[in-house]
Protein backbone atom coordinates (compact mmCIF):
# COMPACT_ATOMS: atom_id res chain seq x y z
CA MET A 1 -18.51 13.08 -15.62
CA SER A 2 -16.73 12.05 -18.80
CA ASN A 3 -13.43 10.21 -18.93
CA PRO A 4 -10.35 11.98 -20.28
CA SER A 5 -10.06 10.91 -23.90
CA PRO A 6 -7.73 8.00 -24.73
CA SER A 7 -5.57 10.36 -26.75
CA GLU A 8 -5.24 12.75 -23.79
CA LEU A 9 -4.04 9.96 -21.53
CA ALA A 10 -2.08 7.95 -24.08
CA ARG A 11 0.37 10.69 -24.85
CA TYR A 12 1.62 10.43 -21.27
CA ALA A 13 2.09 6.66 -21.45
CA ASN A 14 5.39 6.88 -23.30
CA ARG A 15 7.34 7.97 -20.23
CA THR A 16 10.43 5.84 -19.64
CA ARG A 17 10.09 2.71 -17.55
CA ALA A 18 13.03 3.99 -15.51
CA HIS A 19 10.99 7.03 -14.48
CA SER A 20 8.05 4.88 -13.43
CA THR A 21 10.24 2.51 -11.47
CA ALA A 22 12.02 5.31 -9.62
CA ALA A 23 8.70 6.81 -8.59
CA ARG A 24 7.31 3.54 -7.38
CA LEU A 25 10.38 2.38 -5.51
CA SER A 26 10.95 5.65 -3.72
CA ARG A 27 7.33 5.59 -2.56
CA ARG A 28 6.56 2.03 -1.53
CA SER A 29 9.95 1.15 -0.12
CA LEU A 30 10.04 4.34 1.91
CA LEU A 31 6.58 3.70 3.29
CA ARG A 32 7.22 0.15 4.37
CA GLY A 33 10.72 0.83 5.61
CA ALA A 34 9.69 3.86 7.64
CA ALA A 35 6.72 2.22 9.31
CA ILE A 36 8.77 0.07 11.66
CA GLY A 37 10.89 2.95 12.88
CA GLY A 38 8.12 5.01 14.39
CA LEU A 39 4.53 3.96 13.94
CA THR A 40 3.97 1.00 16.12
CA LEU A 41 6.27 1.53 19.07
CA GLY A 42 6.15 5.31 19.17
CA GLY A 43 2.48 5.33 18.26
CA ALA A 44 1.22 3.80 21.46
CA GLY A 45 3.06 6.31 23.61
CA ALA A 46 1.88 9.17 21.44
CA LEU A 47 -1.70 8.02 21.76
CA THR A 48 -1.51 7.93 25.51
CA ALA A 49 0.22 11.29 25.69
CA CYS A 50 -2.45 12.92 23.56
CA GLY A 51 -5.22 11.48 25.67
CA VAL A 52 -6.70 9.61 22.74
CA SER A 53 -7.60 6.59 24.81
CA GLY A 54 -10.97 8.15 25.52
CA HIS A 55 -11.75 8.11 21.80
CA VAL A 56 -11.43 4.38 21.30
CA VAL A 57 -14.61 3.06 19.71
CA PRO A 58 -16.14 0.27 21.82
CA ALA A 59 -16.13 -3.20 20.33
CA GLY A 60 -19.15 -3.70 18.10
CA ALA A 61 -19.83 0.02 17.77
CA GLN A 62 -20.74 1.38 14.35
CA GLU A 63 -18.13 4.07 13.94
CA LYS A 64 -18.77 6.51 11.10
CA GLY A 65 -16.30 9.26 11.85
CA GLN A 66 -17.32 12.82 12.64
CA ALA A 67 -18.43 15.28 10.00
CA GLY A 68 -17.69 18.97 10.02
CA LYS A 69 -19.50 21.65 8.04
CA ASP A 70 -19.09 20.86 4.35
CA TYR A 71 -18.22 23.91 2.26
CA SER A 72 -17.97 21.96 -1.01
CA ALA A 73 -20.81 23.83 -2.69
CA THR A 74 -19.25 27.26 -2.18
CA GLU A 75 -15.53 26.39 -2.03
CA LYS A 76 -14.58 24.47 -5.14
CA LYS A 77 -11.42 22.85 -3.82
CA VAL A 78 -9.88 19.70 -2.34
CA VAL A 79 -6.78 19.62 -0.13
CA PHE A 80 -5.06 16.29 -0.83
CA ALA A 81 -2.20 15.06 1.38
CA THR A 82 -0.12 12.25 -0.07
CA TRP A 83 3.38 10.82 -0.58
CA PRO A 84 6.05 11.89 -3.08
CA SER A 85 6.01 10.29 -6.54
CA TYR A 86 2.52 8.84 -6.21
CA ILE A 87 0.79 10.48 -9.17
CA ASP A 88 1.17 10.56 -12.95
CA VAL A 89 3.28 13.44 -14.24
CA ASP A 90 3.86 14.98 -17.64
CA PRO A 91 7.27 13.66 -18.83
CA LYS A 92 7.99 17.09 -20.32
CA ASN A 93 7.01 19.03 -17.21
CA ALA A 94 7.27 17.42 -13.79
CA ASN A 95 5.04 20.12 -12.30
CA ARG A 96 2.05 18.99 -14.37
CA ARG A 97 -0.18 16.11 -13.32
CA PRO A 98 -2.40 15.17 -16.26
CA THR A 99 -5.17 13.26 -14.50
CA LEU A 100 -5.56 15.91 -11.81
CA GLU A 101 -5.64 18.66 -14.41
CA ALA A 102 -8.34 16.79 -16.33
CA PHE A 103 -10.42 16.50 -13.13
CA GLU A 104 -10.07 20.21 -12.43
CA LYS A 105 -11.08 21.08 -15.99
CA GLN A 106 -14.14 18.82 -15.91
CA THR A 107 -15.46 19.82 -12.48
CA GLY A 108 -14.12 23.29 -11.72
CA ILE A 109 -12.79 21.87 -8.44
CA GLN A 110 -9.19 22.90 -7.76
CA VAL A 111 -6.96 20.27 -6.16
CA GLN A 112 -4.26 21.40 -3.77
CA TYR A 113 -2.04 18.33 -4.17
CA LEU A 114 0.51 18.22 -1.35
CA GLU A 115 3.32 15.65 -1.22
CA VAL A 116 3.70 16.10 2.52
CA ILE A 117 3.61 12.53 3.88
CA ASN A 118 6.98 10.83 4.29
CA ASP A 119 6.36 8.54 7.24
CA ASN A 120 3.16 6.98 8.58
CA ASN A 121 3.95 7.74 12.19
CA ASP A 122 5.08 11.31 11.55
CA TRP A 123 1.89 11.96 9.65
CA TYR A 124 -0.27 10.45 12.38
CA THR A 125 1.51 12.63 14.93
CA LYS A 126 0.78 15.69 12.77
CA VAL A 127 -2.97 15.14 12.39
CA ASP A 128 -3.75 13.53 15.75
CA PRO A 129 -3.82 16.77 17.82
CA SER A 130 -6.51 18.25 15.56
CA LEU A 131 -8.55 15.07 15.39
CA VAL A 132 -8.51 14.50 19.14
CA ARG A 133 -9.66 18.10 19.70
CA GLY A 134 -12.47 17.77 17.16
CA ILE A 135 -11.22 20.31 14.62
CA ASP A 136 -10.39 20.25 10.91
CA THR A 137 -6.89 18.98 10.09
CA GLY A 138 -6.77 21.20 7.02
CA TYR A 139 -6.83 18.17 4.72
CA ASP A 140 -9.78 16.65 2.87
CA LEU A 141 -7.98 13.50 1.70
CA MET A 142 -4.90 11.65 2.88
CA VAL A 143 -3.22 8.44 1.71
CA VAL A 144 -2.29 5.91 4.42
CA SER A 145 -1.28 2.25 4.57
CA ASP A 146 -3.78 -0.55 4.99
CA TYR A 147 -2.89 -1.28 8.63
CA MET A 148 -3.13 2.45 9.38
CA VAL A 149 -6.73 2.45 8.16
CA GLY A 150 -7.45 0.06 11.01
CA LYS A 151 -5.71 2.35 13.47
CA TYR A 152 -7.60 5.46 12.32
CA ARG A 153 -10.87 3.54 12.49
CA THR A 154 -10.11 2.33 16.00
CA TYR A 155 -10.07 5.94 17.13
CA ASP A 156 -13.01 6.92 14.90
CA TYR A 157 -10.78 9.40 13.08
CA ILE A 158 -11.93 8.92 9.47
CA GLN A 159 -15.35 9.43 7.94
CA GLU A 160 -17.60 6.90 6.28
CA LEU A 161 -17.86 7.57 2.56
CA ASP A 162 -21.12 8.80 1.04
CA LEU A 163 -21.41 6.37 -1.86
CA SER A 164 -24.03 8.52 -3.55
CA ASN A 165 -21.08 10.76 -4.43
CA ILE A 166 -18.97 7.77 -5.49
CA PRO A 167 -21.07 5.69 -7.92
CA ASN A 168 -17.89 4.19 -9.38
CA HIS A 169 -17.33 2.52 -6.02
CA SER A 170 -19.33 -0.34 -7.57
CA LEU A 171 -16.50 -0.86 -10.09
CA MET A 172 -14.00 -1.93 -7.45
CA LEU A 173 -12.78 -5.49 -7.88
CA PRO A 174 -13.74 -8.11 -5.27
CA GLN A 175 -10.16 -8.46 -4.02
CA ALA A 176 -10.00 -4.71 -3.39
CA LEU A 177 -13.34 -4.73 -1.55
CA LYS A 178 -12.31 -7.65 0.63
CA ASP A 179 -9.97 -5.70 2.85
CA PRO A 180 -9.34 -6.89 6.44
CA THR A 181 -9.14 -3.36 7.88
CA ASP A 182 -12.11 -1.99 5.90
CA PRO A 183 -14.41 -4.74 4.61
CA GLY A 184 -16.52 -3.44 1.75
CA ARG A 185 -14.45 -0.25 1.55
CA ARG A 186 -16.86 1.96 3.49
CA PHE A 187 -14.04 4.26 4.67
CA SER A 188 -11.25 3.96 2.12
CA VAL A 189 -10.49 3.78 -1.59
CA PRO A 190 -7.29 2.01 -2.69
CA TRP A 191 -4.82 4.40 -4.26
CA ALA A 192 -2.27 1.64 -4.87
CA TYR A 193 -2.70 -2.13 -4.58
CA GLY A 194 0.08 -4.72 -4.72
CA TYR A 195 1.66 -7.99 -3.60
CA THR A 196 4.69 -9.08 -1.56
CA THR A 197 6.59 -12.07 -2.94
CA PHE A 198 10.21 -13.18 -3.61
CA ALA A 199 12.81 -12.56 -6.29
CA TYR A 200 16.18 -14.21 -6.91
CA ASN A 201 19.37 -13.80 -8.94
CA THR A 202 19.79 -16.63 -11.44
CA ASN A 203 23.55 -15.98 -11.56
CA LEU A 204 23.69 -16.96 -7.91
CA VAL A 205 20.73 -19.35 -7.60
CA LYS A 206 20.84 -22.18 -10.13
CA GLN A 207 17.70 -24.07 -9.02
CA PRO A 208 14.45 -22.10 -9.47
CA ILE A 209 12.60 -21.07 -6.32
CA THR A 210 8.93 -21.98 -6.29
CA SER A 211 7.94 -21.81 -2.61
CA ILE A 212 8.40 -19.73 0.51
CA SER A 213 9.61 -22.68 2.57
CA GLU A 214 12.58 -23.14 0.21
CA VAL A 215 13.78 -19.64 1.03
CA PHE A 216 13.82 -20.46 4.73
CA THR A 217 15.37 -23.92 4.46
CA ARG A 218 17.34 -24.62 1.24
CA PRO A 219 21.05 -25.16 2.00
CA ASP A 220 22.19 -23.50 -1.23
CA LEU A 221 20.49 -20.27 -0.11
CA HIS A 222 22.20 -20.22 3.30
CA GLY A 223 23.31 -16.70 4.18
CA LYS A 224 21.97 -15.26 0.94
CA VAL A 225 18.39 -14.29 1.91
CA SER A 226 17.02 -10.82 2.61
CA LEU A 227 13.65 -10.37 4.33
CA PHE A 228 11.74 -7.15 4.94
CA SER A 229 12.08 -5.22 8.18
CA GLU A 230 8.30 -4.66 8.17
CA MET A 231 6.55 -6.96 10.63
CA GLN A 232 3.41 -7.43 8.53
CA ASP A 233 5.26 -8.45 5.38
CA THR A 234 7.68 -10.92 6.93
CA VAL A 235 5.27 -12.45 9.45
CA ALA A 236 2.65 -12.91 6.72
CA ILE A 237 5.17 -14.79 4.59
CA ALA A 238 6.15 -16.96 7.57
CA LEU A 239 2.49 -17.70 8.34
CA LEU A 240 1.90 -18.75 4.73
CA ALA A 241 4.96 -21.01 4.80
CA GLN A 242 3.41 -22.93 7.69
CA GLY A 243 -0.02 -23.19 6.13
CA TYR A 244 -1.67 -20.42 8.15
CA ASP A 245 -3.86 -17.61 6.81
CA PRO A 246 -2.46 -14.07 7.36
CA GLU A 247 -6.02 -12.73 7.27
CA HIS A 248 -7.12 -14.95 10.16
CA PHE A 249 -4.52 -16.16 12.64
CA THR A 250 -4.22 -16.71 16.38
CA ASP A 251 -1.61 -15.55 18.87
CA ALA A 252 -0.27 -19.09 18.93
CA GLN A 253 0.12 -19.08 15.15
CA PHE A 254 1.86 -15.70 15.29
CA ASN A 255 4.27 -17.15 17.84
CA LYS A 256 5.03 -20.07 15.53
CA ALA A 257 5.61 -17.73 12.59
CA LEU A 258 7.92 -15.57 14.68
CA GLU A 259 9.84 -18.64 15.81
CA TYR A 260 10.10 -19.72 12.16
CA VAL A 261 11.78 -16.41 11.34
CA ARG A 262 13.98 -16.51 14.45
CA ARG A 263 15.20 -20.03 13.68
CA ALA A 264 16.13 -19.07 10.12
CA LYS A 265 17.99 -16.00 11.39
CA ASP A 266 19.85 -17.91 14.13
CA ASN A 267 20.79 -20.64 11.66
CA GLY A 268 22.36 -18.07 9.37
CA GLN A 269 19.86 -18.60 6.54
CA ILE A 270 18.91 -14.92 6.57
CA ARG A 271 21.59 -12.41 5.70
CA SER A 272 19.64 -9.26 6.51
CA PHE A 273 16.33 -7.55 7.19
CA THR A 274 16.03 -4.58 4.87
CA GLY A 275 13.82 -1.58 4.22
CA ASN A 276 14.06 0.82 1.34
CA ASP A 277 17.51 -0.41 0.34
CA TYR A 278 16.47 -3.95 -0.54
CA LEU A 279 16.78 -3.54 -4.31
CA SER A 280 20.18 -1.92 -4.03
CA ASP A 281 21.62 -4.93 -2.20
CA PHE A 282 19.85 -7.29 -4.57
CA GLN A 283 21.14 -5.63 -7.74
CA GLN A 284 24.67 -5.57 -6.38
CA GLY A 285 24.57 -9.31 -5.67
CA ASN A 286 24.89 -8.87 -1.91
CA THR A 287 21.77 -10.99 -1.56
CA ALA A 288 20.75 -13.80 -3.88
CA VAL A 289 17.13 -13.92 -2.73
CA THR A 290 14.96 -11.09 -1.48
CA MET A 291 11.39 -10.34 -0.60
CA ALA A 292 10.03 -7.97 -3.25
CA TYR A 293 7.03 -5.77 -3.94
CA SER A 294 4.85 -6.10 -7.03
CA GLY A 295 6.63 -5.39 -10.27
CA ASP A 296 9.78 -3.97 -8.65
CA VAL A 297 12.23 -6.50 -10.05
CA ALA A 298 10.59 -6.91 -13.45
CA GLN A 299 10.85 -3.18 -14.02
CA LEU A 300 14.60 -3.23 -13.46
CA GLY A 301 14.94 -4.95 -16.83
CA LYS A 302 17.77 -7.30 -15.79
CA PRO A 303 17.25 -10.83 -17.13
CA ASN A 304 19.20 -12.46 -14.28
CA LEU A 305 16.85 -10.96 -11.66
CA VAL A 306 13.56 -12.85 -11.70
CA THR A 307 10.43 -12.73 -9.57
CA VAL A 308 8.48 -15.66 -8.18
CA ASP A 309 5.10 -14.55 -9.48
CA LEU A 310 3.23 -16.95 -7.20
CA PRO A 311 4.94 -19.06 -4.50
CA LYS A 312 3.03 -22.29 -3.98
CA GLU A 313 1.91 -21.20 -0.49
CA GLY A 314 0.57 -17.85 -1.74
CA MET A 315 1.65 -14.26 -1.07
CA LEU A 316 0.66 -11.12 0.79
CA SER A 317 -1.56 -8.45 -0.72
CA TRP A 318 -1.54 -4.86 0.55
CA SER A 319 -2.91 -1.45 -0.32
CA ASP A 320 -2.29 2.22 0.31
CA ASN A 321 -5.57 4.07 0.64
CA ALA A 322 -7.22 7.45 0.31
CA VAL A 323 -9.34 8.33 3.36
CA ILE A 324 -11.25 11.42 4.51
CA PRO A 325 -10.33 12.63 8.01
CA ASN A 326 -12.95 13.87 10.45
CA PHE A 327 -14.17 17.45 10.11
CA ALA A 328 -12.88 17.74 6.51
CA ARG A 329 -14.05 21.04 5.03
CA HIS A 330 -14.68 19.68 1.51
CA LYS A 331 -15.88 16.10 1.97
CA THR A 332 -18.23 16.04 -1.02
CA ASN A 333 -15.55 17.41 -3.33
CA ALA A 334 -13.11 14.82 -2.00
CA GLU A 335 -15.60 12.07 -2.77
CA LYS A 336 -16.01 13.40 -6.30
CA LEU A 337 -12.25 13.17 -6.73
CA LEU A 338 -12.26 9.57 -5.49
CA ASN A 339 -15.08 8.76 -7.90
CA TYR A 340 -13.05 10.25 -10.75
CA TYR A 341 -10.04 8.02 -9.98
CA LEU A 342 -12.27 4.95 -9.94
CA GLN A 343 -12.97 5.42 -13.66
CA PRO A 344 -11.20 2.66 -15.63
CA GLN A 345 -9.23 4.94 -17.96
CA VAL A 346 -8.14 7.25 -15.18
CA ALA A 347 -7.19 4.34 -12.93
CA ALA A 348 -5.17 2.86 -15.81
CA ALA A 349 -3.29 6.13 -16.32
CA LEU A 350 -2.43 6.29 -12.63
CA ASP A 351 -1.36 2.64 -12.40
CA ASP A 352 0.70 2.96 -15.56
CA SER A 353 2.73 5.70 -13.91
CA ILE A 354 3.15 4.24 -10.42
CA ASN A 355 3.17 0.58 -11.58
CA TYR A 356 0.70 -1.01 -9.21
CA ILE A 357 -2.16 -3.44 -9.72
CA PRO A 358 -5.43 -2.05 -11.13
CA SER A 359 -8.26 -2.41 -8.60
CA VAL A 360 -11.14 -1.29 -10.84
CA ARG A 361 -13.12 -3.27 -13.42
CA GLY A 362 -12.13 -2.24 -16.94
CA ALA A 363 -8.80 -0.72 -15.87
CA VAL A 364 -6.79 -3.69 -17.15
CA GLU A 365 -8.28 -3.36 -20.61
CA ALA A 366 -7.60 0.37 -20.53
CA LEU A 367 -4.02 -0.28 -19.43
CA GLN A 368 -3.51 -2.76 -22.26
CA GLN A 369 -4.42 -0.02 -24.72
CA LEU A 370 -2.41 2.62 -22.89
CA ASP A 371 0.80 0.65 -22.19
CA SER A 372 0.98 -2.95 -23.38
CA THR A 373 4.43 -3.38 -21.77
CA ALA A 374 3.13 -2.69 -18.29
CA ALA A 375 0.01 -4.76 -18.91
CA ALA A 376 2.16 -7.79 -19.76
CA VAL A 377 3.87 -7.86 -16.34
CA PRO A 378 2.07 -10.44 -14.11
CA LEU A 379 2.80 -8.50 -10.93
CA ILE A 380 1.12 -5.44 -12.45
CA VAL A 381 -1.72 -7.34 -14.12
CA PRO A 382 -1.89 -10.59 -12.11
CA THR A 383 -3.46 -13.84 -13.24
CA LYS A 384 -6.67 -15.14 -11.66
CA GLN A 385 -4.63 -17.77 -9.84
CA MET A 386 -2.42 -15.08 -8.34
CA GLN A 387 -5.45 -13.09 -7.25
CA ALA A 388 -7.01 -16.15 -5.65
CA ASN A 389 -3.85 -16.94 -3.67
CA ALA A 390 -3.02 -13.45 -2.42
CA ARG A 391 -4.00 -12.80 1.18
CA GLY A 392 -4.24 -9.58 3.16
CA PHE A 393 -2.97 -9.07 6.70
CA MET A 394 -5.41 -9.40 9.59
CA ALA A 395 -6.69 -6.21 11.18
CA LEU A 396 -4.93 -5.79 14.53
CA SER A 397 -5.88 -3.96 17.68
CA ILE A 398 -3.50 -1.25 18.85
CA ALA A 399 -2.27 -3.55 21.62
CA GLN A 400 -1.63 -6.39 19.16
CA LEU A 401 0.13 -4.11 16.71
CA ASN A 402 2.52 -2.84 19.35
CA ASP A 403 3.10 -6.24 20.94
CA TYR A 404 3.69 -8.06 17.67
CA THR A 405 6.00 -5.40 16.29
CA SER A 406 8.00 -5.15 19.49
CA ARG A 407 8.59 -8.90 19.57
CA PHE A 408 9.38 -9.00 15.87
CA GLN A 409 11.99 -6.29 16.31
CA GLN A 410 13.57 -8.26 19.14
CA VAL A 411 13.97 -11.21 16.78
CA THR A 412 15.33 -9.17 13.88
CA GLY A 413 17.62 -7.04 16.06
CA GLN A 414 16.21 -3.72 14.84
């Protein structure tokens, strides 16, 4: 399969940075903000109610998902469930999606692209009844958060990828392959990959911030700090501040990280725990320091709002991922679509629009040609040092996920 030509993709690279930022912020902030509200606490009850407990894969089992009859050869289509504003669009026609159209033209496979996911828990609740009954959900691909990949795998709800249909899988960068919930990426392909770090307002913070511990302890930041309401993000940052690894930690270390957050909150260091409104408060000067997702603050274009590209303790890496649910009707076609998006030029076009970190070899070079402005932002194209010091979040059991989130919410008052 040939790449779309550079000229075909380049003409879409001149979209405004404001458009790209709006798309990215509405997507990532919504995802992370919504997850706390329903997934972890509601999820456990929903699982029990649906009788899913019988589908838990025993420890050490080699889960592969469950295949249905594949109609890819006779039905040239893919049904793709995803989130709003998570694809490149033609700046002159918001109904056109250039990379998808190029795929359809090259392969003859029609993509039914559905922006139907607005909350991780709501989506899980939608597909779980079909999956537990062993029938097709109606979707061949769906995009879910990294920790959700672990949850779907726990219940053996997503299929192992046939890499013979995805030769470009070999182009994935090592940091993308080294995923705690799916080591080696046998079940998932990153759709978006990014970091969680800090940003601050230089009008309100005169001494530069270089470490996580400063945010939790510096007297001049007292009452001016905003942390995320997502357990994984904030606990990971607290673990790093104490010298622990978010990819490998114990219950005792989690307790220490939670106490670290609680102490900062009780001392008045933390002003708020925020979700999708974090940039609004930050821009208005309500908070002087905030946790921030990759590239968010840089794309605002305000010189007084600066990002800590790499705190000395490190930062959290995360991904949102395309997976194939059990019994998908067009698995082979879905894998061909994943292979297409793992091409460097196509990956660059997607990342240029949604402003996340390229996870494919050659995509950075393609992005530099496509949009040198985006390629110059370290939290879109990170340095090797940043890559080496970014850590994922440990895969959790369902019991751990519910327990940790419940206790985190008690501390944050959510």
